Amino acid sequence: MNGLFFALLGASLATALSGFGSAKGVGNAAQASMGVLSEDPSKFGKMLVLTLLPGTQGLYGFIVGFLILVNCGVLGGDLPSTAQGLAYLGGALAIGIGGMVSGFAQGRAAVSGIAMSAKDDKNFSKAMVSITLVEIYALLSFIVSLLVVISVPGLDI
């Protein structure tokens, strides 16, 4: 095995795991939103915002995966050494796992926020704040992954 294998594995895991978390979170929130919309279609805008929030993790994973592909010779850059490939894999796991877990958690928070907002529109901002708090951990995972991925080409390993 060479570094390209590990880099491609990392790009795949970053994208797939964080995408899985987002898909699950958005799916759960969409299901709850549709229940609300069946009773009151005028709440579509607010329900859409709350439903979309768990989708960001998948975007973070995609960005990391894309940057790995750009850096490792698939879409440009040089072929990575085995150590660099492992570094890409390690960096990718941060957003892959962090994105998946936070996508699940943010989806559950979104379902609760949707239920709370359905009862009273005044609760929408409270729901937004609570759901967004989960995003912090996805962002931390993304930043770590991003810092690792952009530093790998400069590493002499």
C-alpha atoms as a PDB file:
ATOM      1  CA  MET A   1       0.000   0.000   0.000  1.00  0.00           C
ATOM      2  CA  ASN A   2       1.152   3.494  -0.680  1.00  0.00           C
ATOM      3  CA  GLY A   3       0.195   6.925   0.575  1.00  0.00           C
ATOM      4  CA  LEU A   4      -2.405   7.474  -2.116  1.00  0.00           C
ATOM      5  CA  PHE A   5      -4.481   4.567  -0.808  1.00  0.00           C
ATOM      6  CA  PHE A   6      -4.596   6.047   2.704  1.00  0.00           C
ATOM      7  CA  ALA A   7      -5.311   9.548   1.386  1.00  0.00           C
ATOM      8  CA  LEU A   8      -8.192   8.278  -0.755  1.00  0.00           C
ATOM      9  CA  LEU A   9      -9.518   6.261   2.157  1.00  0.00           C
ATOM     10  CA  GLY A  10      -9.420   9.415   4.280  1.00  0.00           C
ATOM     11  CA  ALA A  11     -11.220  11.481   1.641  1.00  0.00           C
ATOM     12  CA  SER A  12     -13.882   8.790   1.365  1.00  0.00           C
ATOM     13  CA  LEU A  13     -14.368   8.462   5.121  1.00  0.00           C
ATOM     14  CA  ALA A  14     -14.521  12.227   5.696  1.00  0.00           C
ATOM     15  CA  THR A  15     -17.219  12.553   3.070  1.00  0.00           C
ATOM     16  CA  ALA A  16     -19.176   9.368   3.791  1.00  0.00           C
ATOM     17  CA  LEU A  17     -19.258   9.474   7.592  1.00  0.00           C
ATOM     18  CA  SER A  18     -20.105  13.161   7.897  1.00  0.00           C
ATOM     19  CA  GLY A  19     -22.616  12.788   5.052  1.00  0.00           C
ATOM     20  CA  PHE A  20     -24.224   9.864   6.857  1.00  0.00           C
ATOM     21  CA  GLY A  21     -24.588  11.947  10.029  1.00  0.00           C
ATOM     22  CA  SER A  22     -26.084  14.839   8.092  1.00  0.00           C
ATOM     23  CA  ALA A  23     -28.447  12.639   6.104  1.00  0.00           C
ATOM     24  CA  LYS A  24     -29.723  10.996   9.273  1.00  0.00           C
ATOM     25  CA  GLY A  25     -30.072  14.330  11.098  1.00  0.00           C
ATOM     26  CA  VAL A  26     -31.785  16.115   8.216  1.00  0.00           C
ATOM     27  CA  GLY A  27     -34.026  13.105   7.595  1.00  0.00           C
ATOM     28  CA  ASN A  28     -35.224  13.047  11.188  1.00  0.00           C
ATOM     29  CA  ALA A  29     -35.793  16.802  11.209  1.00  0.00           C
ATOM     30  CA  ALA A  30     -37.617  16.685   7.865  1.00  0.00           C
ATOM     31  CA  GLN A  31     -39.917  13.998   9.180  1.00  0.00           C
ATOM     32  CA  ALA A  32     -40.823  16.165  12.176  1.00  0.00           C
ATOM     33  CA  SER A  33     -41.211  19.244   9.968  1.00  0.00           C
ATOM     34  CA  MET A  34     -43.617  17.486   7.658  1.00  0.00           C
ATOM     35  CA  GLY A  35     -45.840  16.666  10.597  1.00  0.00           C
ATOM     36  CA  VAL A  36     -45.938  20.339  11.539  1.00  0.00           C
ATOM     37  CA  LEU A  37     -46.507  21.460   7.938  1.00  0.00           C
ATOM     38  CA  SER A  38     -49.426  19.090   7.533  1.00  0.00           C
ATOM     39  CA  GLU A  39     -51.151  21.080  10.267  1.00  0.00           C
ATOM     40  CA  ASP A  40     -49.860  24.573   9.401  1.00  0.00           C
ATOM     41  CA  PRO A  41     -48.240  25.102   5.964  1.00  0.00           C
ATOM     42  CA  SER A  42     -47.504  28.759   6.815  1.00  0.00           C
ATOM     43  CA  LYS A  43     -44.574  27.594   8.977  1.00  0.00           C
ATOM     44  CA  PHE A  44     -42.634  26.278   5.972  1.00  0.00           C
ATOM     45  CA  GLY A  45     -39.809  28.849   6.153  1.00  0.00           C
ATOM     46  CA  LYS A  46     -39.061  28.280   9.814  1.00  0.00           C
ATOM     47  CA  MET A  47     -39.332  24.519   9.505  1.00  0.00           C
ATOM     48  CA  LEU A  48     -36.967  24.567   6.520  1.00  0.00           C
ATOM     49  CA  VAL A  49     -34.307  26.458   8.467  1.00  0.00           C
ATOM     50  CA  LEU A  50     -34.513  24.060  11.408  1.00  0.00           C
ATOM     51  CA  THR A  51     -34.450  21.059   9.071  1.00  0.00           C
ATOM     52  CA  LEU A  52     -31.370  22.238   7.172  1.00  0.00           C
ATOM     53  CA  LEU A  53     -29.149  22.854  10.191  1.00  0.00           C
ATOM     54  CA  PRO A  54     -27.912  19.240  10.569  1.00  0.00           C
ATOM     55  CA  GLY A  55     -26.821  19.293   6.914  1.00  0.00           C
ATOM     56  CA  THR A  56     -23.679  21.334   7.451  1.00  0.00           C
ATOM     57  CA  GLN A  57     -21.611  18.411   8.700  1.00  0.00           C
ATOM     58  CA  GLY A  58     -21.823  16.733   5.317  1.00  0.00           C
ATOM     59  CA  LEU A  59     -20.552  19.918   3.690  1.00  0.00           C
ATOM     60  CA  TYR A  60     -17.593  20.084   6.062  1.00  0.00           C
ATOM     61  CA  GLY A  61     -16.687  16.476   5.267  1.00  0.00           C
ATOM     62  CA  PHE A  62     -16.998  17.132   1.544  1.00  0.00           C
ATOM     63  CA  ILE A  63     -14.649  20.127   1.778  1.00  0.00           C
ATOM     64  CA  VAL A  64     -12.039  18.065   3.620  1.00  0.00           C
ATOM     65  CA  GLY A  65     -12.407  15.184   1.170  1.00  0.00           C
ATOM     66  CA  PHE A  66     -12.085  17.554  -1.793  1.00  0.00           C
ATOM     67  CA  LEU A  67      -8.960  19.193  -0.351  1.00  0.00           C
ATOM     68  CA  ILE A  68      -7.368  15.788   0.141  1.00  0.00           C
ATOM     69  CA  LEU A  69      -8.096  14.901  -3.493  1.00  0.00           C
ATOM     70  CA  VAL A  70      -6.606  18.213  -4.636  1.00  0.00           C
ATOM     71  CA  ASN A  71      -3.474  17.778  -2.530  1.00  0.00           C
ATOM     72  CA  CYS A  72      -2.743  14.103  -3.123  1.00  0.00           C
ATOM     73  CA  GLY A  73      -2.357  13.943  -6.881  1.00  0.00           C
ATOM     74  CA  VAL A  74      -5.883  13.016  -7.923  1.00  0.00           C
ATOM     75  CA  LEU A  75      -6.990  16.550  -8.805  1.00  0.00           C
ATOM     76  CA  GLY A  76      -3.510  18.106  -8.711  1.00  0.00           C
ATOM     77  CA  GLY A  77      -0.615  18.145  -6.294  1.00  0.00           C
ATOM     78  CA  ASP A  78       1.952  15.412  -5.751  1.00  0.00           C
ATOM     79  CA  LEU A  79       1.464  11.792  -4.771  1.00  0.00           C
ATOM     80  CA  PRO A  80       1.743  11.506  -0.998  1.00  0.00           C
ATOM     81  CA  SER A  81       4.228   9.340   0.834  1.00  0.00           C
ATOM     82  CA  THR A  82       2.829   6.581   3.033  1.00  0.00           C
ATOM     83  CA  ALA A  83       3.275   8.771   6.111  1.00  0.00           C
ATOM     84  CA  GLN A  84       1.524  11.686   4.400  1.00  0.00           C
ATOM     85  CA  GLY A  85      -1.317   9.390   3.327  1.00  0.00           C
ATOM     86  CA  LEU A  86      -1.720   8.259   6.914  1.00  0.00           C
ATOM     87  CA  ALA A  87      -1.710  11.904   8.025  1.00  0.00           C
ATOM     88  CA  TYR A  88      -4.501  12.648   5.536  1.00  0.00           C
ATOM     89  CA  LEU A  89      -6.423   9.656   6.856  1.00  0.00           C
ATOM     90  CA  GLY A  90      -5.976  10.796  10.448  1.00  0.00           C
ATOM     91  CA  GLY A  91      -7.040  14.340   9.627  1.00  0.00           C
ATOM     92  CA  ALA A  92     -10.077  13.086   7.745  1.00  0.00           C
ATOM     93  CA  LEU A  93     -11.244  10.984  10.666  1.00  0.00           C
ATOM     94  CA  ALA A  94     -11.744  14.082  12.816  1.00  0.00           C
ATOM     95  CA  ILE A  95     -14.520  15.476  10.614  1.00  0.00           C
ATOM     96  CA  GLY A  96     -15.725  12.028   9.578  1.00  0.00           C
ATOM     97  CA  ILE A  97     -16.427  10.862  13.097  1.00  0.00           C
ATOM     98  CA  GLY A  98     -17.113  14.307  14.585  1.00  0.00           C
ATOM     99  CA  GLY A  99     -19.443  15.185  11.729  1.00  0.00           C
ATOM    100  CA  MET A 100     -21.322  11.922  11.965  1.00  0.00           C
ATOM    101  CA  VAL A 101     -21.873  12.137  15.714  1.00  0.00           C
ATOM    102  CA  SER A 102     -22.771  15.827  15.685  1.00  0.00           C
ATOM    103  CA  GLY A 103     -25.101  15.292  12.689  1.00  0.00           C
ATOM    104  CA  PHE A 104     -26.989  12.675  14.684  1.00  0.00           C
ATOM    105  CA  ALA A 105     -27.104  14.923  17.762  1.00  0.00           C
ATOM    106  CA  GLN A 106     -28.064  18.029  15.834  1.00  0.00           C
ATOM    107  CA  GLY A 107     -30.858  16.107  14.124  1.00  0.00           C
ATOM    108  CA  ARG A 108     -32.282  15.093  17.487  1.00  0.00           C
ATOM    109  CA  ALA A 109     -32.013  18.679  18.729  1.00  0.00           C
ATOM    110  CA  ALA A 110     -33.720  19.890  15.541  1.00  0.00           C
ATOM    111  CA  VAL A 111     -36.628  17.495  16.062  1.00  0.00           C
ATOM    112  CA  SER A 112     -37.134  18.899  19.551  1.00  0.00           C
ATOM    113  CA  GLY A 113     -36.789  22.461  18.294  1.00  0.00           C
ATOM    114  CA  ILE A 114     -39.344  21.818  15.575  1.00  0.00           C
ATOM    115  CA  ALA A 115     -41.793  20.445  18.121  1.00  0.00           C
ATOM    116  CA  MET A 116     -41.197  23.431  20.379  1.00  0.00           C
ATOM    117  CA  SER A 117     -41.633  25.935  17.523  1.00  0.00           C
ATOM    118  CA  ALA A 118     -44.769  24.190  16.317  1.00  0.00           C
ATOM    119  CA  LYS A 119     -46.482  24.961  19.608  1.00  0.00           C
ATOM    120  CA  ASP A 120     -45.478  28.619  19.679  1.00  0.00           C
ATOM    121  CA  ASP A 121     -43.670  30.673  16.997  1.00  0.00           C
ATOM    122  CA  LYS A 122     -42.010  32.699  19.757  1.00  0.00           C
ATOM    123  CA  ASN A 123     -39.857  29.647  20.534  1.00  0.00           C
ATOM    124  CA  PHE A 124     -38.200  29.629  17.100  1.00  0.00           C
ATOM    125  CA  SER A 125     -35.169  31.701  18.139  1.00  0.00           C
ATOM    126  CA  LYS A 126     -34.686  29.591  21.264  1.00  0.00           C
ATOM    127  CA  ALA A 127     -34.774  26.471  19.137  1.00  0.00           C
ATOM    128  CA  MET A 128     -32.266  27.965  16.678  1.00  0.00           C
ATOM    129  CA  VAL A 129     -29.801  28.771  19.454  1.00  0.00           C
ATOM    130  CA  SER A 130     -30.071  25.329  21.008  1.00  0.00           C
ATOM    131  CA  ILE A 131     -29.681  23.511  17.697  1.00  0.00           C
ATOM    132  CA  THR A 132     -26.764  25.718  16.676  1.00  0.00           C
ATOM    133  CA  LEU A 133     -24.859  24.906  19.880  1.00  0.00           C
ATOM    134  CA  VAL A 134     -24.308  21.385  18.562  1.00  0.00           C
ATOM    135  CA  GLU A 135     -22.712  22.927  15.458  1.00  0.00           C
ATOM    136  CA  ILE A 136     -19.758  24.106  17.530  1.00  0.00           C
ATOM    137  CA  TYR A 137     -18.474  20.550  17.830  1.00  0.00           C
ATOM    138  CA  ALA A 138     -18.810  19.926  14.110  1.00  0.00           C
ATOM    139  CA  LEU A 139     -16.859  23.130  13.522  1.00  0.00           C
ATOM    140  CA  LEU A 140     -14.113  22.080  15.917  1.00  0.00           C
ATOM    141  CA  SER A 141     -13.771  18.751  14.102  1.00  0.00           C
ATOM    142  CA  PHE A 142     -13.742  20.550  10.752  1.00  0.00           C
ATOM    143  CA  ILE A 143     -11.050  23.006  11.850  1.00  0.00           C
ATOM    144  CA  VAL A 144      -8.784  20.209  13.093  1.00  0.00           C
ATOM    145  CA  SER A 145      -9.271  18.260   9.865  1.00  0.00           C
ATOM    146  CA  LEU A 146      -8.685  21.350   7.773  1.00  0.00           C
ATOM    147  CA  LEU A 147      -5.489  22.289   9.619  1.00  0.00           C
ATOM    148  CA  VAL A 148      -4.106  18.764   9.255  1.00  0.00           C
ATOM    149  CA  VAL A 149      -4.998  18.471   5.570  1.00  0.00           C
ATOM    150  CA  ILE A 150      -3.519  21.822   4.584  1.00  0.00           C
ATOM    151  CA  SER A 151      -0.310  21.166   6.523  1.00  0.00           C
ATOM    152  CA  VAL A 152       0.402  17.651   5.129  1.00  0.00           C
ATOM    153  CA  PRO A 153       1.954  18.754   1.802  1.00  0.00           C
ATOM    154  CA  GLY A 154       4.544  20.782   3.702  1.00  0.00           C
ATOM    155  CA  LEU A 155       5.486  17.929   6.036  1.00  0.00           C
ATOM    156  CA  ASP A 156       8.700  16.134   5.215  1.00  0.00           C
ATOM    157  CA  ILE A 157       7.542  12.685   6.329  1.00  0.00           C
END
